[in-house]
């Protein structure tokens, strides 16, 4: 059934492709079937020859040119195809291709966006590389990137710039958009983009290194953070640093100090050093630099809480929530508010904690009612509160929703918190195998981090389960 489902996805029900698959699989051993299906593309020789002879070569020259040029796009619209091809009748051509049933399908009811069938798009891209010199596809990607950037779709623009190997423009655009993406919890996107850039280019640009540091901090990549901190320091000590203003250098150094504070705590569990580094960074930071001030104030609040100064931690986390809300950083604002919720839980102020969670949940809800990944913070908070109230079914529901949002977003802190709490809930429900499986999942997460404190936390909960 898995193989059939994958084959249906790849062929989209196209009869000729299914016939080609059947012929190709004839006589194949069962263990090779899945491997063939997973590599079945429009570049397969029988599919390619069929599409070349029976489809592409039968089109008028202008249509052939349009199909090949627009094959670099995952989605097609009239204005975008016009930007790629220079044709004013791009929308008319798309509608004609759909009417001719030529492997084009609309993506909306208004016929504004289309896409090519997957196998047909694969074929066209192979043929484009065969028919043109390498610089032609790169030029098409650049035109697509320009259109996307002008229309406020930076992520799509970056994808096309990377395909064109236009690395410096890619770096410029990542620097401009990284903070907004990170504020929405999309750190895995930043990490993947930077992995596609030449390492020397990333190292030479402090803003790019700092964007990477923020993403690595979300991912708890201690080794990566340490390496990037060295890169920032090297970049600021190089002759190129003379091109930055003193305010920019102060900003770079203050942000680096924030990650040094995190590193000091994560490596040595040393909250005192981390608190001192945060306070020094805030002292050297411009008052109106809200984005960075929000990051450092949040870290300071978390360290004060770990240091058991709950009164100072409460004040600092409330301040961090306000600053990050002003800076439109939803993820960090949620982090700060959940830090407050944790303090209220310890103090037994569960109604206040619930009110904060519900307010945070509203802020992390899209207009269509769906939750943003940042909502996972509030959902975990509610799961903990409902467990304290012994509403185990309600707690399990909130925690399940949190995991559904946090796992694909790579929010490992939230996943860890939700997984441990869900294990305790399941133990309370008598679901011991599920509880133990969740604790093992938590152990695997903190095992990747290699930090003593969270490993101890998992061991503590394992001991609690053993006593229940």
Protein backbone atom coordinates (compact mmCIF):
# COMPACT_ATOMS: atom_id res chain seq x y z
CA UNK A 1 0.00 0.00 0.00
CA UNK A 2 2.88 2.37 0.76
CA UNK A 3 4.39 1.78 -2.70
CA UNK A 4 1.01 2.27 -4.40
CA UNK A 5 0.46 5.52 -2.50
CA UNK A 6 3.88 6.84 -3.49
CA UNK A 7 3.33 5.85 -7.11
CA UNK A 8 -0.02 7.62 -7.14
CA UNK A 9 1.62 10.75 -5.69
CA UNK A 10 4.38 10.76 -8.28
CA UNK A 11 2.26 10.02 -11.36
CA UNK A 12 -0.87 11.92 -10.22
CA UNK A 13 -2.90 9.23 -11.96
CA UNK A 14 -1.32 9.76 -15.39
CA UNK A 15 -2.04 6.55 -17.31
CA UNK A 16 1.03 6.52 -19.55
CA UNK A 17 3.35 6.93 -16.56
CA UNK A 18 1.63 4.03 -14.82
CA UNK A 19 2.14 1.89 -17.93
CA UNK A 20 5.83 2.84 -18.01
CA UNK A 21 6.11 1.88 -14.35
CA UNK A 22 4.44 -1.47 -14.95
CA UNK A 23 6.83 -2.26 -17.81
CA UNK A 24 9.87 -1.16 -15.83
CA UNK A 25 8.88 -3.23 -12.78
CA UNK A 26 8.28 -6.38 -14.83
CA UNK A 27 10.60 -9.06 -13.58
CA UNK A 28 11.95 -6.89 -10.73
CA UNK A 29 12.42 -8.56 -7.35
CA UNK A 30 9.97 -7.31 -4.68
CA UNK A 31 12.76 -5.71 -2.64
CA UNK A 32 13.63 -3.40 -5.55
CA UNK A 33 10.10 -2.11 -6.18
CA UNK A 34 10.13 0.62 -3.51
CA UNK A 35 13.58 1.81 -4.59
CA UNK A 36 12.46 2.19 -8.20
CA UNK A 37 9.28 4.04 -7.29
CA UNK A 38 11.14 6.45 -5.00
CA UNK A 39 13.49 7.41 -7.85
CA UNK A 40 10.85 7.50 -10.60
CA UNK A 41 10.93 10.99 -12.14
CA UNK A 42 10.31 12.77 -15.40
CA UNK A 43 13.94 12.04 -16.26
CA UNK A 44 13.26 8.29 -16.54
CA UNK A 45 14.21 7.41 -20.13
CA UNK A 46 10.80 6.02 -21.18
CA UNK A 47 8.87 8.90 -19.60
CA UNK A 48 11.33 11.43 -21.01
CA UNK A 49 11.16 10.03 -24.55
CA UNK A 50 7.37 9.90 -24.45
CA UNK A 51 7.00 13.48 -23.23
CA UNK A 52 9.58 14.75 -25.70
CA UNK A 53 8.11 13.04 -28.75
CA UNK A 54 4.41 13.01 -27.94
CA UNK A 55 3.98 16.24 -25.95
CA UNK A 56 6.72 18.88 -26.14
CA UNK A 57 7.76 18.51 -29.78
CA UNK A 58 4.09 18.69 -30.86
CA UNK A 59 3.66 22.17 -29.34
CA UNK A 60 4.17 25.41 -31.30
CA UNK A 61 7.64 26.90 -30.83
CA UNK A 62 6.43 29.74 -28.58
CA UNK A 63 4.59 27.31 -26.30
CA UNK A 64 7.66 25.04 -26.09
CA UNK A 65 9.76 28.04 -25.09
CA UNK A 66 7.21 29.10 -22.46
CA UNK A 67 7.05 25.60 -20.96
CA UNK A 68 10.82 25.28 -20.67
CA UNK A 69 11.40 28.77 -19.26
CA UNK A 70 8.69 28.48 -16.61
CA UNK A 71 9.79 24.99 -15.54
CA UNK A 72 12.09 26.60 -12.93
CA UNK A 73 8.95 27.60 -10.98
CA UNK A 74 7.15 25.44 -8.42
CA UNK A 75 4.02 27.59 -8.79
CA UNK A 76 2.93 29.60 -11.83
CA UNK A 77 0.91 32.78 -12.13
CA UNK A 78 0.38 35.18 -15.02
CA UNK A 79 2.44 38.05 -13.51
CA UNK A 80 5.26 35.73 -12.40
CA UNK A 81 5.45 33.97 -15.77
CA UNK A 82 5.44 37.36 -17.48
CA UNK A 83 8.45 38.37 -15.35
CA UNK A 84 10.23 35.14 -16.32
CA UNK A 85 9.43 35.03 -20.03
CA UNK A 86 8.71 38.66 -20.90
CA UNK A 87 5.40 37.63 -22.48
CA UNK A 88 2.36 39.83 -21.88
CA UNK A 89 0.01 36.93 -22.68
CA UNK A 90 1.37 34.63 -19.93
CA UNK A 91 -1.99 34.29 -18.18
CA UNK A 92 -3.70 33.41 -21.49
CA UNK A 93 -1.08 30.72 -22.16
CA UNK A 94 -1.60 29.19 -18.72
CA UNK A 95 -5.34 29.04 -19.27
CA UNK A 96 -4.82 27.49 -22.71
CA UNK A 97 -2.46 24.86 -21.28
CA UNK A 98 -5.06 23.95 -18.67
CA UNK A 99 -7.82 23.79 -21.28
CA UNK A 100 -5.63 21.48 -23.41
CA UNK A 101 -5.10 19.24 -20.35
CA UNK A 102 -1.37 19.68 -20.82
CA UNK A 103 -0.16 18.61 -17.34
CA UNK A 104 -1.18 21.90 -15.72
CA UNK A 105 -3.51 22.10 -12.73
CA UNK A 106 -4.96 25.19 -11.00
CA UNK A 107 -4.16 25.73 -7.32
CA UNK A 108 -7.11 28.01 -6.55
CA UNK A 109 -10.67 28.59 -7.71
CA UNK A 110 -9.79 31.95 -9.31
CA UNK A 111 -7.23 30.41 -11.70
CA UNK A 112 -4.56 32.79 -10.39
CA UNK A 113 -2.00 30.11 -9.49
CA UNK A 114 -1.13 26.88 -11.27
CA UNK A 115 1.51 24.16 -11.15
CA UNK A 116 2.83 21.57 -13.56
CA UNK A 117 2.36 17.88 -12.75
CA UNK A 118 5.43 16.62 -10.95
CA UNK A 119 6.68 14.25 -13.67
CA UNK A 120 6.11 16.88 -16.36
CA UNK A 121 7.99 19.51 -14.36
CA UNK A 122 10.89 17.06 -13.85
CA UNK A 123 10.99 16.39 -17.58
CA UNK A 124 10.91 20.08 -18.51
CA UNK A 125 13.78 20.90 -16.14
CA UNK A 126 15.93 18.11 -17.56
CA UNK A 127 15.14 19.30 -21.09
CA UNK A 128 15.89 22.93 -20.12
CA UNK A 129 19.38 21.94 -18.98
CA UNK A 130 19.91 19.96 -22.17
CA UNK A 131 18.68 22.67 -24.50
CA UNK A 132 20.37 25.73 -22.99
CA UNK A 133 23.72 26.74 -21.59
CA UNK A 134 23.93 26.71 -17.78
CA UNK A 135 23.63 30.50 -17.50
CA UNK A 136 20.11 30.48 -18.98
CA UNK A 137 18.45 28.56 -16.11
CA UNK A 138 20.42 30.72 -13.65
CA UNK A 139 19.10 33.85 -15.36
CA UNK A 140 15.54 32.54 -15.13
CA UNK A 141 15.98 31.86 -11.40
CA UNK A 142 17.28 35.41 -10.91
CA UNK A 143 14.23 36.87 -12.63
CA UNK A 144 11.95 34.74 -10.46
CA UNK A 145 13.83 35.86 -7.34
CA UNK A 146 13.44 39.52 -8.27
CA UNK A 147 9.68 39.12 -8.79
CA UNK A 148 9.24 37.28 -5.49
CA UNK A 149 11.30 39.85 -3.59
CA UNK A 150 9.34 42.74 -5.10
CA UNK A 151 6.12 41.00 -4.07
CA UNK A 152 7.19 40.46 -0.46
CA UNK A 153 7.91 36.72 -0.74
CA UNK A 154 11.49 36.63 0.50
CA UNK A 155 11.56 32.89 1.20
CA UNK A 156 10.71 32.06 -2.42
CA UNK A 157 13.21 34.67 -3.61
CA UNK A 158 16.00 33.10 -1.54
CA UNK A 159 15.18 29.66 -2.92
CA UNK A 160 15.63 30.91 -6.49
CA UNK A 161 18.78 32.90 -5.67
CA UNK A 162 20.33 29.75 -4.21
CA UNK A 163 19.36 27.81 -7.34
CA UNK A 164 21.13 30.51 -9.38
CA UNK A 165 24.15 30.32 -7.02
CA UNK A 166 23.80 34.07 -6.48
CA UNK A 167 25.30 33.81 -3.02
CA UNK A 168 25.95 37.45 -2.12
CA UNK A 169 22.38 38.59 -2.94
CA UNK A 170 21.14 35.55 -1.02
CA UNK A 171 23.20 36.58 2.01
CA UNK A 172 21.86 40.14 1.79
CA UNK A 173 18.26 38.92 1.76
CA UNK A 174 18.79 36.45 4.61
CA UNK A 175 20.23 39.26 6.74
CA UNK A 176 17.15 41.38 6.02
CA UNK A 177 14.59 38.66 6.76
CA UNK A 178 16.20 36.41 9.39
CA UNK A 179 14.92 38.28 12.42
CA UNK A 180 11.29 38.14 11.26
CA UNK A 181 11.52 34.43 10.46
CA UNK A 182 13.13 33.66 13.80
CA UNK A 183 10.42 35.66 15.56
CA UNK A 184 7.90 33.21 14.06
CA UNK A 185 9.98 30.18 15.12
CA UNK A 186 11.30 29.30 11.65
CA UNK A 187 14.90 28.71 12.76
CA UNK A 188 15.24 25.48 10.78
CA UNK A 189 14.66 27.50 7.60
CA UNK A 190 17.55 29.85 8.46
CA UNK A 191 19.85 26.93 9.26
CA UNK A 192 19.08 25.22 5.93
CA UNK A 193 19.64 28.43 3.94
CA UNK A 194 22.97 29.14 5.60
CA UNK A 195 24.09 25.55 5.05
CA UNK A 196 23.62 26.18 1.31
CA UNK A 197 25.96 29.22 1.32
CA UNK A 198 29.76 29.01 1.05
CA UNK A 199 31.13 28.83 4.60
CA UNK A 200 33.73 31.55 3.95
CA UNK A 201 30.96 33.96 2.95
CA UNK A 202 29.00 33.29 6.16
CA UNK A 203 32.12 33.72 8.32
CA UNK A 204 32.96 37.06 6.75
CA UNK A 205 29.59 38.64 7.61
CA UNK A 206 28.86 39.29 11.32
CA UNK A 207 25.13 39.83 10.72
CA UNK A 208 24.89 36.46 9.00
CA UNK A 209 26.85 34.77 11.80
CA UNK A 210 24.55 36.33 14.41
CA UNK A 211 21.44 35.22 12.52
CA UNK A 212 22.91 31.73 12.52
CA UNK A 213 23.63 32.02 16.26
CA UNK A 214 19.99 32.87 16.97
CA UNK A 215 18.83 29.87 14.93
CA UNK A 216 21.39 27.57 16.58
CA UNK A 217 20.25 28.76 20.01
CA UNK A 218 16.70 27.63 19.20
CA UNK A 219 18.14 24.26 18.12
CA UNK A 220 20.36 23.96 21.26
CA UNK A 221 23.44 23.35 19.05
CA UNK A 222 26.17 24.09 21.59
CA UNK A 223 29.10 23.23 19.32
CA UNK A 224 27.64 25.28 16.48
CA UNK A 225 27.14 28.29 18.77
CA UNK A 226 30.72 28.07 20.04
CA UNK A 227 32.12 27.96 16.49
CA UNK A 228 29.97 30.88 15.30
CA UNK A 229 30.98 33.01 18.31
CA UNK A 230 34.60 32.59 17.22
CA UNK A 231 33.59 33.61 13.69
CA UNK A 232 31.91 36.81 14.95
CA UNK A 233 34.98 37.76 16.95
CA UNK A 234 37.26 37.05 13.97
CA UNK A 235 35.07 39.12 11.64
CA UNK A 236 35.08 42.07 14.08
CA UNK A 237 38.88 41.86 14.34
CA UNK A 238 39.41 41.78 10.57
CA UNK A 239 40.20 44.82 8.35
CA UNK A 240 36.59 44.65 7.02
CA UNK A 241 35.31 45.67 10.45
CA UNK A 242 36.36 49.25 9.67
CA UNK A 243 33.29 49.48 7.41
CA UNK A 244 30.94 49.20 10.42
CA UNK A 245 29.90 52.10 12.62
CA UNK A 246 30.68 52.04 16.34
CA UNK A 247 26.95 51.54 17.03
CA UNK A 248 26.91 48.48 14.77
CA UNK A 249 30.01 47.03 16.44
CA UNK A 250 28.44 47.58 19.88
CA UNK A 251 25.32 45.79 18.68
CA UNK A 252 27.33 42.85 17.33
CA UNK A 253 29.32 42.52 20.56
CA UNK A 254 26.21 42.80 22.75
CA UNK A 255 24.41 40.09 20.80
CA UNK A 256 27.49 37.87 20.92
CA UNK A 257 27.58 38.37 24.71
CA UNK A 258 23.98 37.09 24.94
CA UNK A 259 24.97 33.82 23.30
CA UNK A 260 28.12 33.64 25.43
CA UNK A 261 25.77 33.84 28.43
CA UNK A 262 23.69 30.95 27.11
CA UNK A 263 26.83 28.99 26.35
CA UNK A 264 28.22 29.61 29.84
CA UNK A 265 25.06 28.17 31.33
CA UNK A 266 24.59 25.28 28.91
CA UNK A 267 28.19 24.10 29.15
CA UNK A 268 28.76 24.55 32.87
CA UNK A 269 25.25 25.06 34.28
CA UNK A 270 26.70 28.38 35.54
CA UNK A 271 23.81 30.84 36.00
CA UNK A 272 25.96 33.41 37.86
CA UNK A 273 28.35 33.93 34.93
CA UNK A 274 25.42 34.04 32.51
CA UNK A 275 23.65 36.72 34.59
CA UNK A 276 26.80 38.87 34.68
CA UNK A 277 27.28 38.57 30.90
CA UNK A 278 23.64 39.54 30.23
CA UNK A 279 23.82 42.59 32.50
CA UNK A 280 27.05 43.73 30.87
CA UNK A 281 25.54 43.30 27.41
CA UNK A 282 22.43 45.33 28.35
CA UNK A 283 24.62 48.10 29.75
CA UNK A 284 26.45 48.46 26.42
CA UNK A 285 23.33 48.23 24.25
CA UNK A 286 21.44 51.15 22.72
CA UNK A 287 18.13 51.71 24.52
CA UNK A 288 16.10 51.66 21.31
CA UNK A 289 17.55 48.34 20.09
CA UNK A 290 14.38 46.54 21.10
CA UNK A 291 14.97 43.33 19.17
CA UNK A 292 18.28 42.54 20.82
CA UNK A 293 17.26 43.99 24.19
CA UNK A 294 14.31 41.59 24.18
CA UNK A 295 16.58 38.57 23.58
CA UNK A 296 19.06 39.48 26.32
CA UNK A 297 16.38 40.44 28.87
CA UNK A 298 14.67 37.10 28.30
CA UNK A 299 17.92 35.19 28.84
CA UNK A 300 18.57 37.23 31.99
CA UNK A 301 15.08 36.43 33.33
CA UNK A 302 15.54 32.71 32.72
CA UNK A 303 18.95 32.73 34.44
CA UNK A 304 17.55 34.62 37.46
CA UNK A 305 14.80 32.03 37.77
CA UNK A 306 17.34 29.20 37.64
CA UNK A 307 19.35 31.09 40.28
CA UNK A 308 16.19 30.97 42.47
CA UNK A 309 15.73 34.76 42.58
CA UNK A 310 12.04 34.47 41.75
CA UNK A 311 11.16 38.10 42.51
CA UNK A 312 13.86 39.50 40.18
CA UNK A 313 13.05 36.80 37.62
CA UNK A 314 9.35 37.76 37.60
CA UNK A 315 10.16 41.46 37.03
CA UNK A 316 12.70 40.67 34.32
CA UNK A 317 10.49 38.18 32.46
CA UNK A 318 7.55 40.62 32.50
CA UNK A 319 9.88 43.27 31.06
CA UNK A 320 11.14 40.79 28.45
CA UNK A 321 7.55 40.00 27.43
CA UNK A 322 6.76 43.71 26.95
CA UNK A 323 9.96 44.43 25.00
CA UNK A 324 9.55 41.44 22.70
CA UNK A 325 5.92 42.33 22.04
CA UNK A 326 7.08 45.83 21.04
CA UNK A 327 9.73 44.22 18.81
CA UNK A 328 7.07 41.93 17.23
CA UNK A 329 9.00 38.82 18.30
CA UNK A 330 6.20 36.40 19.10
CA UNK A 331 8.41 33.41 19.95
CA UNK A 332 10.48 35.32 22.51
CA UNK A 333 7.42 37.01 23.97
CA UNK A 334 5.83 33.57 24.45
CA UNK A 335 9.06 32.31 26.02
CA UNK A 336 8.98 35.16 28.53
CA UNK A 337 5.32 34.69 29.36
CA UNK A 338 5.75 30.96 29.89
CA UNK A 339 8.69 31.73 32.18
CA UNK A 340 6.24 33.77 34.26
CA UNK A 341 3.71 30.96 34.12
CA UNK A 342 6.33 28.58 35.50
CA UNK A 343 6.98 30.91 38.44
CA UNK A 344 3.24 31.25 39.12
CA UNK A 345 2.90 27.45 39.08
CA UNK A 346 5.62 27.13 41.73
CA UNK A 347 3.80 29.76 43.81
CA UNK A 348 0.43 28.02 43.38
CA UNK A 349 -1.11 30.92 41.43
CA UNK A 350 -2.69 28.65 38.82
CA UNK A 351 -5.61 30.92 37.84
CA UNK A 352 -3.18 33.73 36.96
CA UNK A 353 -1.01 31.26 35.09
CA UNK A 354 -4.02 30.04 33.09
CA UNK A 355 -5.04 33.61 32.21
CA UNK A 356 -1.54 34.33 30.83
CA UNK A 357 -1.63 31.11 28.77
CA UNK A 358 -5.04 31.91 27.28
CA UNK A 359 -3.96 35.46 26.35
CA UNK A 360 -0.77 34.11 24.79
CA UNK A 361 -2.78 31.53 22.85
CA UNK A 362 -4.92 34.26 21.31
CA UNK A 363 -1.80 36.15 20.19
CA UNK A 364 -0.47 33.00 18.51
CA UNK A 365 -3.67 32.25 16.58
CA UNK A 366 -3.97 33.02 12.87
CA UNK A 367 -7.03 34.91 11.54
CA UNK A 368 -8.38 31.59 10.19
CA UNK A 369 -8.27 30.08 13.69
CA UNK A 370 -5.21 27.88 13.17
CA UNK A 371 -2.35 28.08 15.66
CA UNK A 372 1.14 29.37 14.85
CA UNK A 373 4.07 27.20 16.07
CA UNK A 374 4.56 29.74 18.89
CA UNK A 375 1.21 28.65 20.34
CA UNK A 376 2.89 25.43 21.47
CA UNK A 377 4.42 27.32 24.42
CA UNK A 378 0.99 28.30 25.76
CA UNK A 379 -0.47 24.85 25.07
CA UNK A 380 2.23 23.21 27.19
CA UNK A 381 1.54 25.73 29.94
CA UNK A 382 -2.15 24.84 29.87
CA UNK A 383 -1.31 21.14 29.86
CA UNK A 384 0.70 21.56 33.06
CA UNK A 385 -2.03 23.60 34.74
CA UNK A 386 -4.79 21.13 33.84
CA UNK A 387 -2.65 18.31 35.18
CA UNK A 388 -2.35 20.20 38.47
CA UNK A 389 -6.15 20.42 38.49
CA UNK A 390 -6.30 16.65 37.84
CA UNK A 391 -8.10 17.15 34.50
CA UNK A 392 -5.89 14.53 32.84
CA UNK A 393 -7.87 14.26 29.60
CA UNK A 394 -7.80 18.04 29.14
CA UNK A 395 -4.09 18.10 29.92
CA UNK A 396 -3.35 15.32 27.42
CA UNK A 397 -5.30 17.17 24.72
CA UNK A 398 -3.37 20.42 25.21
CA UNK A 399 -0.02 18.59 25.32
CA UNK A 400 -0.82 16.61 22.17
CA UNK A 401 -1.63 19.83 20.31
CA UNK A 402 1.62 21.37 21.56
CA UNK A 403 3.68 18.44 20.23
CA UNK A 404 1.94 18.58 16.83
CA UNK A 405 3.02 22.22 16.48
CA UNK A 406 6.46 22.08 18.11
CA UNK A 407 7.94 18.98 16.48
CA UNK A 408 7.86 20.14 12.84
CA UNK A 409 8.98 23.62 13.94
CA UNK A 410 12.04 22.16 15.69
CA UNK A 411 11.13 23.72 19.06
CA UNK A 412 12.96 21.10 21.11
CA UNK A 413 12.51 22.93 24.43
CA UNK A 414 8.75 22.79 24.00
CA UNK A 415 8.86 19.18 22.83
CA UNK A 416 10.88 18.21 25.91
CA UNK A 417 8.53 20.03 28.30
CA UNK A 418 5.43 18.59 26.64
CA UNK A 419 6.85 15.06 26.46
CA UNK A 420 7.78 14.92 30.16
CA UNK A 421 4.45 16.38 31.26
CA UNK A 422 2.53 14.04 28.97
CA UNK A 423 4.42 11.08 30.50
CA UNK A 424 3.24 12.16 33.96
CA UNK A 425 -0.32 12.58 32.70
CA UNK A 426 -0.27 9.12 31.09
CA UNK A 427 1.10 7.63 34.30
CA UNK A 428 -1.83 9.21 36.15
CA UNK A 429 -4.14 7.56 33.62
CA UNK A 430 -2.46 4.20 34.16
CA UNK A 431 -0.97 4.18 30.66
CA UNK A 432 2.48 3.03 31.77
CA UNK A 433 3.98 1.86 28.42
CA UNK A 434 3.09 5.20 26.80
CA UNK A 435 4.48 7.13 29.76
CA UNK A 436 7.78 5.26 29.72
CA UNK A 437 8.06 5.64 25.92
CA UNK A 438 7.62 9.40 26.26
CA UNK A 439 10.28 9.63 28.94
CA UNK A 440 12.65 7.69 26.70
CA UNK A 441 11.91 10.23 23.95
CA UNK A 442 12.73 13.02 26.41
CA UNK A 443 15.99 11.30 27.32
CA UNK A 444 16.97 11.16 23.63
CA UNK A 445 16.37 14.91 23.24
CA UNK A 446 18.50 15.92 26.21
CA UNK A 447 21.08 13.29 25.25
CA UNK A 448 21.69 15.26 22.05
CA UNK A 449 22.20 18.41 24.11
CA UNK A 450 24.72 16.74 26.43
CA UNK A 451 23.74 18.88 29.43
CA UNK A 452 23.62 17.66 33.02
CA UNK A 453 20.63 19.68 34.26
CA UNK A 454 17.98 18.45 31.80
CA UNK A 455 19.33 14.88 32.01
CA UNK A 456 18.86 15.12 35.76
CA UNK A 457 15.34 16.41 35.23
CA UNK A 458 14.42 13.39 33.10
CA UNK A 459 15.97 11.04 35.68
CA UNK A 460 13.91 12.75 38.41
CA UNK A 461 10.66 12.16 36.53
CA UNK A 462 11.65 8.56 35.80
CA UNK A 463 12.11 8.12 39.56
CA UNK A 464 8.71 9.75 40.20
CA UNK A 465 7.06 7.33 37.79
CA UNK A 466 8.76 4.46 39.55
CA UNK A 467 7.09 5.51 42.80
CA UNK A 468 3.60 5.95 41.32
